[in-house]
Amino acid sequence: LVRFCYNTSESGVQSRMVYDFARQSIRISWNAVLVPKVVGNRRNALYVDGISMYKLDSESGKIIEHKVEQMLINNTPITPPYGIFSTLKEELLSPNGGYGQRIPAGAGLGAGAF
């Protein structure tokens, strides 16, 4: 679906991983910039940020649980179930998304943004 709707050469994903020894878990903060094929510029990009937490089995070291702790789409916090359709529905029902002033896509883009 991403390859069909978004320009893969202009889009990208970045992540940072941290291991928490006390909780035996891995936390990954990630962000994705999805540039649409139709309009095709960063001004109309979709910005998705999130934090994933993976709990590990103490004996085997295998992942036993994955949880998304936080997710933002274009700086708008979303609640479970996470997904683009729930976010679009929320924006249609409330123009401000219930979170105050919206930040337009592409705000803050410039030197050092990536």
C-alpha atoms as a PDB file:
ATOM      1  CA  LEU A   1       0.000   0.000   0.000  1.00  0.00           C
ATOM      2  CA  VAL A   2       2.847   2.404   0.820  1.00  0.00           C
ATOM      3  CA  ARG A   3       4.551   1.849  -2.545  1.00  0.00           C
ATOM      4  CA  PHE A   4       1.249   2.405  -4.351  1.00  0.00           C
ATOM      5  CA  CYS A   5       0.337   5.714  -2.642  1.00  0.00           C
ATOM      6  CA  TYR A   6       3.707   7.182  -1.613  1.00  0.00           C
ATOM      7  CA  ASN A   7       6.969   7.994  -3.369  1.00  0.00           C
ATOM      8  CA  THR A   8       9.455   5.532  -1.846  1.00  0.00           C
ATOM      9  CA  SER A   9      12.537   7.424  -3.074  1.00  0.00           C
ATOM     10  CA  GLU A  10      11.431  10.630  -1.300  1.00  0.00           C
ATOM     11  CA  SER A  11       9.938   8.955   1.804  1.00  0.00           C
ATOM     12  CA  GLY A  12      11.958   7.601   4.702  1.00  0.00           C
ATOM     13  CA  VAL A  13      12.036   6.051   8.170  1.00  0.00           C
ATOM     14  CA  GLN A  14      14.401   6.802  11.043  1.00  0.00           C
ATOM     15  CA  SER A  15      14.589   5.014  14.396  1.00  0.00           C
ATOM     16  CA  ARG A  16      16.510   4.901  17.654  1.00  0.00           C
ATOM     17  CA  MET A  17      16.690   1.811  19.883  1.00  0.00           C
ATOM     18  CA  VAL A  18      17.383   1.712  23.634  1.00  0.00           C
ATOM     19  CA  TYR A  19      17.555  -1.392  25.837  1.00  0.00           C
ATOM     20  CA  ASP A  20      16.195  -1.081  29.408  1.00  0.00           C
ATOM     21  CA  PHE A  21      18.022  -3.668  31.531  1.00  0.00           C
ATOM     22  CA  ALA A  22      15.820  -3.146  34.613  1.00  0.00           C
ATOM     23  CA  ARG A  23      12.553  -3.790  32.756  1.00  0.00           C
ATOM     24  CA  GLN A  24      14.043  -6.227  30.241  1.00  0.00           C
ATOM     25  CA  SER A  25      12.496  -4.348  27.363  1.00  0.00           C
ATOM     26  CA  ILE A  26      13.481  -2.597  24.165  1.00  0.00           C
ATOM     27  CA  ARG A  27      12.131   0.865  23.327  1.00  0.00           C
ATOM     28  CA  ILE A  28      12.253   2.121  19.772  1.00  0.00           C
ATOM     29  CA  SER A  29      11.356   5.679  18.878  1.00  0.00           C
ATOM     30  CA  TRP A  30      10.691   6.042  15.168  1.00  0.00           C
ATOM     31  CA  ASN A  31       9.483   8.567  12.657  1.00  0.00           C
ATOM     32  CA  ALA A  32       8.411   8.231   9.068  1.00  0.00           C
ATOM     33  CA  VAL A  33       7.985  10.836   6.343  1.00  0.00           C
ATOM     34  CA  LEU A  34       5.640   9.662   3.590  1.00  0.00           C
ATOM     35  CA  VAL A  35       5.630  11.838   0.454  1.00  0.00           C
ATOM     36  CA  PRO A  36       2.560  11.228  -1.750  1.00  0.00           C
ATOM     37  CA  LYS A  37       3.003  10.307  -5.413  1.00  0.00           C
ATOM     38  CA  VAL A  38       0.097  12.430  -6.655  1.00  0.00           C
ATOM     39  CA  VAL A  39       1.232  15.820  -5.351  1.00  0.00           C
ATOM     40  CA  GLY A  40       4.752  14.604  -4.673  1.00  0.00           C
ATOM     41  CA  ASN A  41       6.382  17.273  -2.529  1.00  0.00           C
ATOM     42  CA  ARG A  42       7.385  17.458   1.138  1.00  0.00           C
ATOM     43  CA  ARG A  43       4.837  20.202   1.799  1.00  0.00           C
ATOM     44  CA  ASN A  44       2.085  17.563   1.484  1.00  0.00           C
ATOM     45  CA  ALA A  45       3.949  14.778   3.286  1.00  0.00           C
ATOM     46  CA  LEU A  46       2.487  12.651   6.058  1.00  0.00           C
ATOM     47  CA  TYR A  47       4.621  12.670   9.226  1.00  0.00           C
ATOM     48  CA  VAL A  48       4.183   9.671  11.541  1.00  0.00           C
ATOM     49  CA  ASP A  49       6.046   9.477  14.883  1.00  0.00           C
ATOM     50  CA  GLY A  50       5.800   6.738  17.471  1.00  0.00           C
ATOM     51  CA  ILE A  51       7.366   4.858  20.347  1.00  0.00           C
ATOM     52  CA  SER A  52       7.255   1.050  20.346  1.00  0.00           C
ATOM     53  CA  MET A  53       8.014  -1.041  23.433  1.00  0.00           C
ATOM     54  CA  TYR A  54       9.004  -4.701  23.206  1.00  0.00           C
ATOM     55  CA  LYS A  55       8.969  -6.883  26.342  1.00  0.00           C
ATOM     56  CA  LEU A  56      11.419  -9.776  26.396  1.00  0.00           C
ATOM     57  CA  ASP A  57      11.148 -13.210  28.001  1.00  0.00           C
ATOM     58  CA  SER A  58      13.709 -13.333  30.819  1.00  0.00           C
ATOM     59  CA  GLU A  59      14.782 -16.908  30.031  1.00  0.00           C
ATOM     60  CA  SER A  60      14.818 -17.111  26.236  1.00  0.00           C
ATOM     61  CA  GLY A  61      15.314 -13.427  25.386  1.00  0.00           C
ATOM     62  CA  LYS A  62      12.542 -13.636  22.782  1.00  0.00           C
ATOM     63  CA  ILE A  63      10.011 -10.851  22.280  1.00  0.00           C
ATOM     64  CA  ILE A  64       6.771 -11.736  24.057  1.00  0.00           C
ATOM     65  CA  GLU A  65       4.871  -8.449  23.706  1.00  0.00           C
ATOM     66  CA  HIS A  66       4.853  -5.404  21.438  1.00  0.00           C
ATOM     67  CA  LYS A  67       3.031  -2.230  22.428  1.00  0.00           C
ATOM     68  CA  VAL A  68       2.869   1.156  20.726  1.00  0.00           C
ATOM     69  CA  GLU A  69       3.060   3.623  23.606  1.00  0.00           C
ATOM     70  CA  GLN A  70       2.585   6.817  21.661  1.00  0.00           C
ATOM     71  CA  MET A  71       1.757   7.773  18.086  1.00  0.00           C
ATOM     72  CA  LEU A  72       1.455  11.125  16.321  1.00  0.00           C
ATOM     73  CA  ILE A  73       0.338  11.770  12.760  1.00  0.00           C
ATOM     74  CA  ASN A  74       1.243  15.291  11.585  1.00  0.00           C
ATOM     75  CA  ASN A  75       1.778  16.251  15.254  1.00  0.00           C
ATOM     76  CA  THR A  76      -1.761  15.149  16.156  1.00  0.00           C
ATOM     77  CA  PRO A  77      -1.819  12.543  18.958  1.00  0.00           C
ATOM     78  CA  ILE A  78      -3.973   9.542  18.138  1.00  0.00           C
ATOM     79  CA  THR A  79      -5.473   6.922  20.396  1.00  0.00           C
ATOM     80  CA  PRO A  80      -5.901   3.175  19.856  1.00  0.00           C
ATOM     81  CA  PRO A  81      -6.843   1.617  17.544  1.00  0.00           C
ATOM     82  CA  TYR A  82      -3.897   3.257  15.800  1.00  0.00           C
ATOM     83  CA  GLY A  83      -4.300   3.805  12.105  1.00  0.00           C
ATOM     84  CA  ILE A  84      -4.761   6.353   9.395  1.00  0.00           C
ATOM     85  CA  PHE A  85      -8.509   5.719   9.156  1.00  0.00           C
ATOM     86  CA  SER A  86      -9.138   6.446  12.853  1.00  0.00           C
ATOM     87  CA  THR A  87      -7.093   9.650  12.561  1.00  0.00           C
ATOM     88  CA  LEU A  88      -8.962  10.822   9.471  1.00  0.00           C
ATOM     89  CA  LYS A  89     -12.286  10.113  11.179  1.00  0.00           C
ATOM     90  CA  GLU A  90     -11.169  12.086  14.230  1.00  0.00           C
ATOM     91  CA  GLU A  91     -10.121  15.046  12.075  1.00  0.00           C
ATOM     92  CA  LEU A  92     -13.414  15.018  10.175  1.00  0.00           C
ATOM     93  CA  LEU A  93     -15.480  15.038  13.377  1.00  0.00           C
ATOM     94  CA  SER A  94     -13.393  17.739  15.052  1.00  0.00           C
ATOM     95  CA  PRO A  95     -11.398  20.141  12.832  1.00  0.00           C
ATOM     96  CA  ASN A  96      -8.853  20.724  15.614  1.00  0.00           C
ATOM     97  CA  GLY A  97      -8.777  17.041  16.528  1.00  0.00           C
ATOM     98  CA  GLY A  98      -9.608  18.064  20.094  1.00  0.00           C
ATOM     99  CA  TYR A  99      -5.955  18.974  20.722  1.00  0.00           C
ATOM    100  CA  GLY A 100      -5.823  22.714  20.111  1.00  0.00           C
ATOM    101  CA  GLN A 101      -4.028  24.451  17.281  1.00  0.00           C
ATOM    102  CA  ARG A 102      -2.965  22.138  14.472  1.00  0.00           C
ATOM    103  CA  ILE A 103       0.547  22.315  13.078  1.00  0.00           C
ATOM    104  CA  PRO A 104       0.574  22.112   9.266  1.00  0.00           C
ATOM    105  CA  ALA A 105       2.460  19.327   7.529  1.00  0.00           C
ATOM    106  CA  GLY A 106       6.005  20.373   6.774  1.00  0.00           C
ATOM    107  CA  ALA A 107       6.317  22.810   9.682  1.00  0.00           C
ATOM    108  CA  GLY A 108       9.807  22.796  11.082  1.00  0.00           C
ATOM    109  CA  LEU A 109      11.268  21.339   7.914  1.00  0.00           C
ATOM    110  CA  GLY A 110      14.630  22.789   7.039  1.00  0.00           C
ATOM    111  CA  ALA A 111      18.273  22.621   7.999  1.00  0.00           C
ATOM    112  CA  GLY A 112      18.844  20.001  10.666  1.00  0.00           C
ATOM    113  CA  ALA A 113      15.296  18.601  10.508  1.00  0.00           C
ATOM    114  CA  PHE A 114      16.614  15.193   9.480  1.00  0.00           C
END
